[in-house]
Amino acid sequence: MSQYRVGRLEQEIQKEVNDILLKRVRDPRVQGVTITGVDVTGDLQQATIYYSTLSDNGDEEEVTQKGLDKATSLIRGELGSRLSIYRTPELVFKLDSSIQYGSKIDQLINQLKKQEK
């Protein structure tokens, strides 16, 4: 039963954080950020939020991380008012590199196909 609750909370946090980033956060550093997943600990005290950006540039990813770190307290406050849970979890933002990894694999496959022709 506990896993079911954690899963529901992860989905709700992902939906709400996406909405908060679109409507409430005015920082230009976090424009174009997509939340790809959320992991919440079993005791619901900490949530790791995975995000991706359209940029492959390492400098821009660092700037985006700083913008998200700066907006963490605003996002957590908004989550506290939107979710009906006893205590709002601490938020940690991490870059989700799986999308970039998939893109790189796709490029390599395309290169192999071009070499075969």
N, C-alpha and C. Protein backbone atom coordinates (compact mmCIF):
# COMPACT_ATOMS: atom_id res chain seq x y z
N MET A 1 0.82 -1.19 0.00
CA MET A 1 0.00 0.00 0.00
C MET A 1 0.87 1.26 0.00
N SER A 2 1.99 1.20 0.70
CA SER A 2 2.88 2.36 0.79
C SER A 2 3.46 2.71 -0.59
N GLN A 3 3.84 1.71 -1.37
CA GLN A 3 4.39 1.97 -2.70
C GLN A 3 3.36 2.66 -3.58
N TYR A 4 2.11 2.28 -3.42
CA TYR A 4 1.06 2.89 -4.22
C TYR A 4 0.95 4.38 -3.90
N ARG A 5 1.03 4.72 -2.62
CA ARG A 5 0.95 6.12 -2.22
C ARG A 5 2.15 6.91 -2.75
N VAL A 6 3.34 6.33 -2.66
CA VAL A 6 4.54 7.01 -3.15
C VAL A 6 4.43 7.26 -4.65
N GLY A 7 3.96 6.27 -5.38
CA GLY A 7 3.79 6.42 -6.83
C GLY A 7 2.81 7.52 -7.19
N ARG A 8 1.69 7.58 -6.46
CA ARG A 8 0.71 8.64 -6.72
C ARG A 8 1.30 10.01 -6.40
N LEU A 9 2.05 10.10 -5.29
CA LEU A 9 2.65 11.37 -4.91
C LEU A 9 3.69 11.81 -5.94
N GLU A 10 4.47 10.86 -6.48
CA GLU A 10 5.46 11.20 -7.51
C GLU A 10 4.78 11.79 -8.74
N GLN A 11 3.68 11.18 -9.17
CA GLN A 11 2.96 11.68 -10.34
C GLN A 11 2.38 13.07 -10.07
N GLU A 12 1.84 13.26 -8.88
CA GLU A 12 1.24 14.55 -8.54
C GLU A 12 2.31 15.64 -8.46
N ILE A 13 3.46 15.32 -7.86
CA ILE A 13 4.55 16.31 -7.78
C ILE A 13 5.03 16.68 -9.18
N GLN A 14 5.19 15.69 -10.06
CA GLN A 14 5.64 15.97 -11.42
C GLN A 14 4.67 16.90 -12.14
N LYS A 15 3.39 16.63 -12.02
CA LYS A 15 2.38 17.46 -12.67
C LYS A 15 2.39 18.89 -12.11
N GLU A 16 2.45 19.01 -10.81
CA GLU A 16 2.40 20.33 -10.17
C GLU A 16 3.67 21.14 -10.44
N VAL A 17 4.84 20.49 -10.39
CA VAL A 17 6.09 21.22 -10.64
C VAL A 17 6.13 21.73 -12.08
N ASN A 18 5.67 20.92 -13.02
CA ASN A 18 5.58 21.40 -14.42
C ASN A 18 4.70 22.64 -14.49
N ASP A 19 3.56 22.60 -13.82
CA ASP A 19 2.65 23.73 -13.83
C ASP A 19 3.27 24.96 -13.16
N ILE A 20 3.93 24.76 -12.04
CA ILE A 20 4.58 25.88 -11.33
C ILE A 20 5.67 26.50 -12.18
N LEU A 21 6.48 25.68 -12.84
CA LEU A 21 7.54 26.21 -13.69
C LEU A 21 6.97 27.04 -14.85
N LEU A 22 5.84 26.62 -15.37
CA LEU A 22 5.23 27.35 -16.49
C LEU A 22 4.58 28.65 -16.04
N LYS A 23 3.90 28.63 -14.90
CA LYS A 23 3.06 29.77 -14.53
C LYS A 23 3.63 30.68 -13.46
N ARG A 24 4.44 30.17 -12.55
CA ARG A 24 4.84 30.96 -11.40
C ARG A 24 6.30 31.41 -11.44
N VAL A 25 7.18 30.60 -11.95
CA VAL A 25 8.61 30.93 -11.95
C VAL A 25 8.91 31.82 -13.15
N ARG A 26 9.40 33.00 -12.87
CA ARG A 26 9.66 33.99 -13.93
C ARG A 26 11.13 34.04 -14.33
N ASP A 27 11.95 33.20 -13.76
CA ASP A 27 13.39 33.21 -14.02
C ASP A 27 13.65 32.71 -15.44
N PRO A 28 14.31 33.51 -16.28
CA PRO A 28 14.57 33.06 -17.66
C PRO A 28 15.53 31.87 -17.75
N ARG A 29 16.25 31.59 -16.68
CA ARG A 29 17.18 30.46 -16.70
C ARG A 29 16.46 29.12 -16.73
N VAL A 30 15.20 29.09 -16.30
CA VAL A 30 14.48 27.82 -16.25
C VAL A 30 13.44 27.69 -17.36
N GLN A 31 13.51 28.56 -18.36
CA GLN A 31 12.61 28.45 -19.50
C GLN A 31 13.01 27.23 -20.32
N GLY A 32 12.03 26.47 -20.78
CA GLY A 32 12.30 25.30 -21.60
C GLY A 32 12.69 24.07 -20.81
N VAL A 33 12.49 24.07 -19.51
CA VAL A 33 12.79 22.90 -18.68
C VAL A 33 11.58 21.98 -18.67
N THR A 34 11.84 20.69 -18.86
CA THR A 34 10.79 19.68 -18.81
C THR A 34 11.10 18.71 -17.68
N ILE A 35 10.13 18.46 -16.84
CA ILE A 35 10.29 17.50 -15.75
C ILE A 35 10.04 16.11 -16.32
N THR A 36 11.05 15.24 -16.21
CA THR A 36 10.95 13.91 -16.80
C THR A 36 10.60 12.84 -15.79
N GLY A 37 10.82 13.10 -14.52
CA GLY A 37 10.49 12.10 -13.52
C GLY A 37 10.73 12.61 -12.11
N VAL A 38 10.14 11.91 -11.15
CA VAL A 38 10.29 12.26 -9.74
C VAL A 38 10.48 10.97 -8.95
N ASP A 39 11.44 10.97 -8.03
CA ASP A 39 11.63 9.88 -7.09
C ASP A 39 11.44 10.43 -5.69
N VAL A 40 10.52 9.82 -4.94
CA VAL A 40 10.26 10.23 -3.57
C VAL A 40 10.71 9.10 -2.66
N THR A 41 11.40 9.45 -1.56
CA THR A 41 11.84 8.44 -0.61
C THR A 41 10.62 7.83 0.08
N GLY A 42 10.81 6.66 0.66
CA GLY A 42 9.71 5.94 1.29
C GLY A 42 9.06 6.69 2.43
N ASP A 43 9.82 7.51 3.14
CA ASP A 43 9.25 8.29 4.24
C ASP A 43 8.70 9.63 3.79
N LEU A 44 8.69 9.89 2.50
CA LEU A 44 8.12 11.09 1.88
C LEU A 44 8.81 12.37 2.34
N GLN A 45 10.07 12.29 2.73
CA GLN A 45 10.79 13.46 3.23
C GLN A 45 11.61 14.16 2.15
N GLN A 46 11.98 13.45 1.09
CA GLN A 46 12.81 14.05 0.05
C GLN A 46 12.31 13.59 -1.32
N ALA A 47 12.31 14.53 -2.25
CA ALA A 47 11.91 14.23 -3.63
C ALA A 47 13.03 14.68 -4.57
N THR A 48 13.50 13.75 -5.38
CA THR A 48 14.48 14.07 -6.42
C THR A 48 13.71 14.27 -7.72
N ILE A 49 13.85 15.45 -8.29
CA ILE A 49 13.12 15.80 -9.50
C ILE A 49 14.10 15.82 -10.66
N TYR A 50 13.85 14.98 -11.65
CA TYR A 50 14.72 14.89 -12.82
C TYR A 50 14.15 15.77 -13.93
N TYR A 51 15.02 16.54 -14.56
CA TYR A 51 14.59 17.45 -15.61
C TYR A 51 15.49 17.32 -16.82
N SER A 52 14.99 17.79 -17.95
CA SER A 52 15.80 17.84 -19.16
C SER A 52 15.61 19.20 -19.82
N THR A 53 16.59 19.56 -20.63
CA THR A 53 16.53 20.80 -21.39
C THR A 53 16.77 20.46 -22.85
N LEU A 54 16.43 21.39 -23.71
CA LEU A 54 16.64 21.18 -25.14
C LEU A 54 18.09 21.41 -25.54
N SER A 55 18.85 22.03 -24.68
CA SER A 55 20.23 22.39 -24.99
C SER A 55 21.19 21.25 -24.66
N ASP A 56 22.21 21.10 -25.49
CA ASP A 56 23.28 20.16 -25.21
C ASP A 56 24.50 20.84 -24.62
N ASN A 57 24.45 22.15 -24.52
CA ASN A 57 25.57 22.94 -24.04
C ASN A 57 25.71 22.78 -22.52
N GLY A 58 26.89 22.42 -22.07
CA GLY A 58 27.14 22.22 -20.64
C GLY A 58 27.01 23.49 -19.83
N ASP A 59 27.39 24.63 -20.42
CA ASP A 59 27.27 25.90 -19.70
C ASP A 59 25.80 26.25 -19.45
N GLU A 60 24.96 26.02 -20.44
CA GLU A 60 23.54 26.32 -20.28
C GLU A 60 22.89 25.39 -19.26
N GLU A 61 23.35 24.14 -19.21
CA GLU A 61 22.81 23.20 -18.22
C GLU A 61 23.18 23.64 -16.81
N GLU A 62 24.38 24.16 -16.65
CA GLU A 62 24.81 24.66 -15.35
C GLU A 62 23.99 25.89 -14.93
N VAL A 63 23.73 26.78 -15.88
CA VAL A 63 22.92 27.97 -15.60
C VAL A 63 21.50 27.55 -15.22
N THR A 64 20.95 26.57 -15.93
CA THR A 64 19.61 26.08 -15.62
C THR A 64 19.57 25.47 -14.22
N GLN A 65 20.60 24.70 -13.86
CA GLN A 65 20.66 24.11 -12.52
C GLN A 65 20.67 25.19 -11.45
N LYS A 66 21.44 26.25 -11.67
CA LYS A 66 21.47 27.35 -10.71
C LYS A 66 20.12 28.03 -10.60
N GLY A 67 19.44 28.20 -11.72
CA GLY A 67 18.10 28.80 -11.71
C GLY A 67 17.10 27.95 -10.95
N LEU A 68 17.17 26.63 -11.14
CA LEU A 68 16.27 25.74 -10.41
C LEU A 68 16.59 25.73 -8.92
N ASP A 69 17.88 25.75 -8.59
CA ASP A 69 18.26 25.80 -7.17
C ASP A 69 17.73 27.07 -6.52
N LYS A 70 17.78 28.16 -7.24
CA LYS A 70 17.29 29.44 -6.72
C LYS A 70 15.77 29.41 -6.53
N ALA A 71 15.06 28.72 -7.42
CA ALA A 71 13.60 28.69 -7.37
C ALA A 71 13.04 27.57 -6.49
N THR A 72 13.91 26.77 -5.87
CA THR A 72 13.46 25.61 -5.10
C THR A 72 12.51 26.00 -3.97
N SER A 73 12.81 27.06 -3.25
CA SER A 73 11.96 27.43 -2.13
C SER A 73 10.58 27.88 -2.61
N LEU A 74 10.51 28.62 -3.72
CA LEU A 74 9.23 29.02 -4.29
C LEU A 74 8.43 27.79 -4.71
N ILE A 75 9.09 26.86 -5.39
CA ILE A 75 8.41 25.65 -5.88
C ILE A 75 7.92 24.82 -4.70
N ARG A 76 8.74 24.68 -3.67
CA ARG A 76 8.35 23.89 -2.50
C ARG A 76 7.16 24.54 -1.78
N GLY A 77 7.18 25.85 -1.67
CA GLY A 77 6.06 26.56 -1.05
C GLY A 77 4.76 26.37 -1.81
N GLU A 78 4.85 26.47 -3.12
CA GLU A 78 3.67 26.26 -3.96
C GLU A 78 3.17 24.82 -3.84
N LEU A 79 4.10 23.86 -3.82
CA LEU A 79 3.70 22.46 -3.66
C LEU A 79 2.98 22.26 -2.34
N GLY A 80 3.49 22.89 -1.28
CA GLY A 80 2.87 22.76 0.03
C GLY A 80 1.43 23.24 0.04
N SER A 81 1.14 24.30 -0.72
CA SER A 81 -0.23 24.80 -0.75
C SER A 81 -1.12 23.99 -1.69
N ARG A 82 -0.54 23.34 -2.70
CA ARG A 82 -1.34 22.59 -3.67
C ARG A 82 -1.59 21.14 -3.26
N LEU A 83 -0.64 20.52 -2.56
CA LEU A 83 -0.78 19.11 -2.19
C LEU A 83 -1.36 18.99 -0.79
N SER A 84 -2.15 17.98 -0.59
CA SER A 84 -2.73 17.76 0.74
C SER A 84 -1.96 16.66 1.47
N ILE A 85 -0.71 16.99 1.82
CA ILE A 85 0.10 16.06 2.59
C ILE A 85 0.59 16.78 3.84
N TYR A 86 0.95 15.98 4.84
CA TYR A 86 1.32 16.55 6.14
C TYR A 86 2.56 17.43 6.04
N ARG A 87 3.58 16.94 5.36
CA ARG A 87 4.83 17.68 5.25
C ARG A 87 5.31 17.65 3.80
N THR A 88 5.65 18.80 3.29
CA THR A 88 6.14 18.89 1.92
C THR A 88 7.58 18.39 1.87
N PRO A 89 7.90 17.49 0.95
CA PRO A 89 9.27 16.96 0.89
C PRO A 89 10.29 18.01 0.46
N GLU A 90 11.53 17.81 0.88
CA GLU A 90 12.64 18.63 0.40
C GLU A 90 12.86 18.30 -1.07
N LEU A 91 13.16 19.30 -1.88
CA LEU A 91 13.30 19.10 -3.32
C LEU A 91 14.77 19.17 -3.73
N VAL A 92 15.16 18.24 -4.59
CA VAL A 92 16.50 18.23 -5.17
C VAL A 92 16.32 18.06 -6.68
N PHE A 93 16.89 18.96 -7.45
CA PHE A 93 16.79 18.89 -8.91
C PHE A 93 18.06 18.28 -9.48
N LYS A 94 17.87 17.30 -10.39
CA LYS A 94 19.00 16.66 -11.06
C LYS A 94 18.71 16.58 -12.56
N LEU A 95 19.76 16.80 -13.33
CA LEU A 95 19.65 16.73 -14.78
C LEU A 95 19.45 15.27 -15.20
N ASP A 96 18.46 15.03 -16.02
CA ASP A 96 18.20 13.69 -16.55
C ASP A 96 18.97 13.55 -17.86
N SER A 97 20.01 12.77 -17.83
CA SER A 97 20.87 12.63 -19.00
C SER A 97 20.41 11.52 -19.94
N SER A 98 19.35 10.80 -19.60
CA SER A 98 18.92 9.68 -20.44
C SER A 98 18.43 10.15 -21.81
N ILE A 99 17.82 11.32 -21.89
CA ILE A 99 17.34 11.81 -23.17
C ILE A 99 18.51 12.16 -24.08
N GLN A 100 19.53 12.80 -23.53
CA GLN A 100 20.73 13.13 -24.30
C GLN A 100 21.45 11.84 -24.73
N TYR A 101 21.48 10.86 -23.83
CA TYR A 101 22.12 9.58 -24.16
C TYR A 101 21.38 8.90 -25.30
N GLY A 102 20.05 8.91 -25.25
CA GLY A 102 19.25 8.32 -26.33
C GLY A 102 19.46 9.03 -27.65
N SER A 103 19.58 10.34 -27.58
CA SER A 103 19.82 11.12 -28.79
C SER A 103 21.18 10.78 -29.40
N LYS A 104 22.18 10.60 -28.55
CA LYS A 104 23.52 10.25 -29.04
C LYS A 104 23.51 8.87 -29.69
N ILE A 105 22.81 7.92 -29.09
CA ILE A 105 22.69 6.57 -29.66
C ILE A 105 22.00 6.65 -31.02
N ASP A 106 20.95 7.47 -31.12
CA ASP A 106 20.23 7.64 -32.38
C ASP A 106 21.14 8.20 -33.46
N GLN A 107 21.98 9.18 -33.10
CA GLN A 107 22.93 9.75 -34.06
C GLN A 107 23.92 8.70 -34.53
N LEU A 108 24.41 7.87 -33.61
CA LEU A 108 25.36 6.82 -33.99
C LEU A 108 24.73 5.80 -34.93
N ILE A 109 23.49 5.44 -34.69
CA ILE A 109 22.79 4.50 -35.57
C ILE A 109 22.61 5.11 -36.95
N ASN A 110 22.25 6.38 -36.99
CA ASN A 110 22.09 7.05 -38.28
C ASN A 110 23.41 7.11 -39.05
N GLN A 111 24.53 7.34 -38.35
CA GLN A 111 25.83 7.35 -38.98
C GLN A 111 26.16 5.97 -39.57
N LEU A 112 25.85 4.91 -38.83
CA LEU A 112 26.10 3.56 -39.33
C LEU A 112 25.27 3.27 -40.58
N LYS A 113 24.03 3.73 -40.60
CA LYS A 113 23.18 3.51 -41.77
C LYS A 113 23.75 4.25 -42.98
N LYS A 114 24.27 5.46 -42.78
CA LYS A 114 24.84 6.22 -43.88
C LYS A 114 26.10 5.54 -44.41
N GLN A 115 26.89 4.94 -43.52
CA GLN A 115 28.11 4.25 -43.95
C GLN A 115 27.80 3.00 -44.74
N GLU A 116 26.70 2.32 -44.44
CA GLU A 116 26.32 1.10 -45.15
C GLU A 116 25.92 1.38 -46.58
N LYS A 117 25.38 2.57 -46.85
CA LYS A 117 24.91 2.90 -48.21
C LYS A 117 26.02 3.16 -49.13
